[in-house]
Structure formats: structure tokens, C-alpha cells
C-alpha atoms as a PDB file:
ATOM      1  CA  MET A   1       0.000   0.000   0.000  1.00  0.00           C
ATOM      2  CA  VAL A   2       1.689   3.188  -1.198  1.00  0.00           C
ATOM      3  CA  ILE A   3       1.500   6.338   0.898  1.00  0.00           C
ATOM      4  CA  VAL A   4       0.274   8.897  -1.599  1.00  0.00           C
ATOM      5  CA  GLN A   5      -0.224  11.864   0.703  1.00  0.00           C
ATOM      6  CA  ILE A   6       0.344  12.663   4.366  1.00  0.00           C
ATOM      7  CA  ARG A   7      -1.461  15.541   5.983  1.00  0.00           C
ATOM      8  CA  ARG A   8       0.671  17.978   7.938  1.00  0.00           C
ATOM      9  CA  GLY A   9       0.793  16.937  11.580  1.00  0.00           C
ATOM     10  CA  ALA A  10      -0.537  13.440  10.872  1.00  0.00           C
ATOM     11  CA  THR A  11       0.739  10.561  12.983  1.00  0.00           C
ATOM     12  CA  ALA A  12       2.432   9.015   9.947  1.00  0.00           C
ATOM     13  CA  MET A  13       4.458  12.196   9.465  1.00  0.00           C
ATOM     14  CA  ARG A  14       5.460  12.346  13.129  1.00  0.00           C
ATOM     15  CA  LEU A  15       6.632   8.720  12.895  1.00  0.00           C
ATOM     16  CA  GLY A  16       8.859   9.496   9.940  1.00  0.00           C
ATOM     17  CA  LEU A  17       6.851   7.905   7.150  1.00  0.00           C
ATOM     18  CA  ILE A  18       6.956   9.848   3.890  1.00  0.00           C
ATOM     19  CA  GLN A  19       5.101  10.042   0.614  1.00  0.00           C
ATOM     20  CA  GLY A  20       6.106   7.093  -1.562  1.00  0.00           C
ATOM     21  CA  ASP A  21       6.757   4.665   1.301  1.00  0.00           C
ATOM     22  CA  VAL A  22       5.061   1.315   0.704  1.00  0.00           C
ATOM     23  CA  ILE A  23       3.527  -0.235   3.823  1.00  0.00           C
ATOM     24  CA  VAL A  24       3.714  -4.001   3.454  1.00  0.00           C
ATOM     25  CA  ALA A  25       2.848  -5.374   6.909  1.00  0.00           C
ATOM     26  CA  VAL A  26       1.689  -4.568  10.421  1.00  0.00           C
ATOM     27  CA  ASN A  27       2.840  -6.894  13.201  1.00  0.00           C
ATOM     28  CA  GLY A  28       3.911  -9.439  10.601  1.00  0.00           C
ATOM     29  CA  ARG A  29       0.568  -9.510   8.778  1.00  0.00           C
ATOM     30  CA  ASN A  30       0.604  -8.356   5.145  1.00  0.00           C
ATOM     31  CA  VAL A  31      -1.658  -5.403   4.354  1.00  0.00           C
ATOM     32  CA  ASN A  32      -2.967  -4.586   0.895  1.00  0.00           C
ATOM     33  CA  THR A  33      -5.736  -2.089   1.567  1.00  0.00           C
ATOM     34  CA  VAL A  34      -6.455   0.854   3.847  1.00  0.00           C
ATOM     35  CA  ARG A  35      -9.203  -1.217   5.469  1.00  0.00           C
ATOM     36  CA  GLU A  36      -6.721  -3.977   6.359  1.00  0.00           C
ATOM     37  CA  LEU A  37      -4.229  -1.412   7.664  1.00  0.00           C
ATOM     38  CA  ARG A  38      -6.805   0.268   9.884  1.00  0.00           C
ATOM     39  CA  GLY A  39      -8.078  -3.076  11.172  1.00  0.00           C
ATOM     40  CA  ASP A  40      -4.587  -4.258  12.060  1.00  0.00           C
ATOM     41  CA  LEU A  41      -3.693  -0.984  13.761  1.00  0.00           C
ATOM     42  CA  ASP A  42      -6.950  -1.003  15.755  1.00  0.00           C
ATOM     43  CA  SER A  43      -6.493  -4.587  16.921  1.00  0.00           C
ATOM     44  CA  ALA A  44      -2.835  -4.250  17.943  1.00  0.00           C
ATOM     45  CA  ASN A  45      -3.496  -2.867  21.440  1.00  0.00           C
ATOM     46  CA  GLY A  46      -1.161   0.108  21.040  1.00  0.00           C
ATOM     47  CA  SER A  47       2.020  -1.682  19.973  1.00  0.00           C
ATOM     48  CA  TRP A  48       2.934  -1.974  16.311  1.00  0.00           C
ATOM     49  CA  ASP A  49       5.724  -3.138  14.055  1.00  0.00           C
ATOM     50  CA  ILE A  50       5.128  -1.449  10.702  1.00  0.00           C
ATOM     51  CA  THR A  51       7.142  -2.912   7.843  1.00  0.00           C
ATOM     52  CA  PHE A  52       7.553  -0.688   4.809  1.00  0.00           C
ATOM     53  CA  ARG A  53       9.741  -0.249   1.745  1.00  0.00           C
ATOM     54  CA  ARG A  54      11.578   2.947   0.891  1.00  0.00           C
ATOM     55  CA  ASP A  55      14.063   3.343  -1.952  1.00  0.00           C
ATOM     56  CA  GLY A  56      14.185  -0.433  -2.466  1.00  0.00           C
ATOM     57  CA  GLU A  57      15.039  -1.124   1.185  1.00  0.00           C
ATOM     58  CA  THR A  58      12.688  -2.878   3.631  1.00  0.00           C
ATOM     59  CA  ARG A  59      12.512  -1.243   7.052  1.00  0.00           C
ATOM     60  CA  THR A  60      10.528  -1.857  10.229  1.00  0.00           C
ATOM     61  CA  LEU A  61       9.287   0.884  12.483  1.00  0.00           C
ATOM     62  CA  ARG A  62       8.440  -0.172  16.052  1.00  0.00           C
ATOM     63  CA  ILE A  63       5.850   1.869  17.930  1.00  0.00           C
ATOM     64  CA  ASP A  64       5.071   1.171  21.590  1.00  0.00           C
END
């Protein structure tokens, strides 16, 4: 799922995600749609590992 736009002040921006990043998984579960992403974030009880690709490199962002 490609990040197309991030609103100023949005959580994604504060976490360091940028336009063009491709979110591929949350807590090890692949996400393909915004609905899946939101569902996984809501069910994670406040702790997330977000795996994304940027410039051909896969990275994981841990949020507690």
C-alpha cells in the first residue's frame, strides 16, 4: 500500500513515514488495503511493528 499523501501533523508524518513509502505489513501480517491497515492498527493494542519499503530497502518501524 503506497503512501500517496500525508497531511501535515498526521501521525504518519510524526513517525517518519513519507510520501512514496510502501507499507507491506503490520505486526507481521501483510496489508494490501487501507481497510486492512486500519483493522490491524486497531487490533494491535497500542504496539505496532510497521514494515515498509523505501528506496528499495525494507525497514521496520516499532511503535510502543
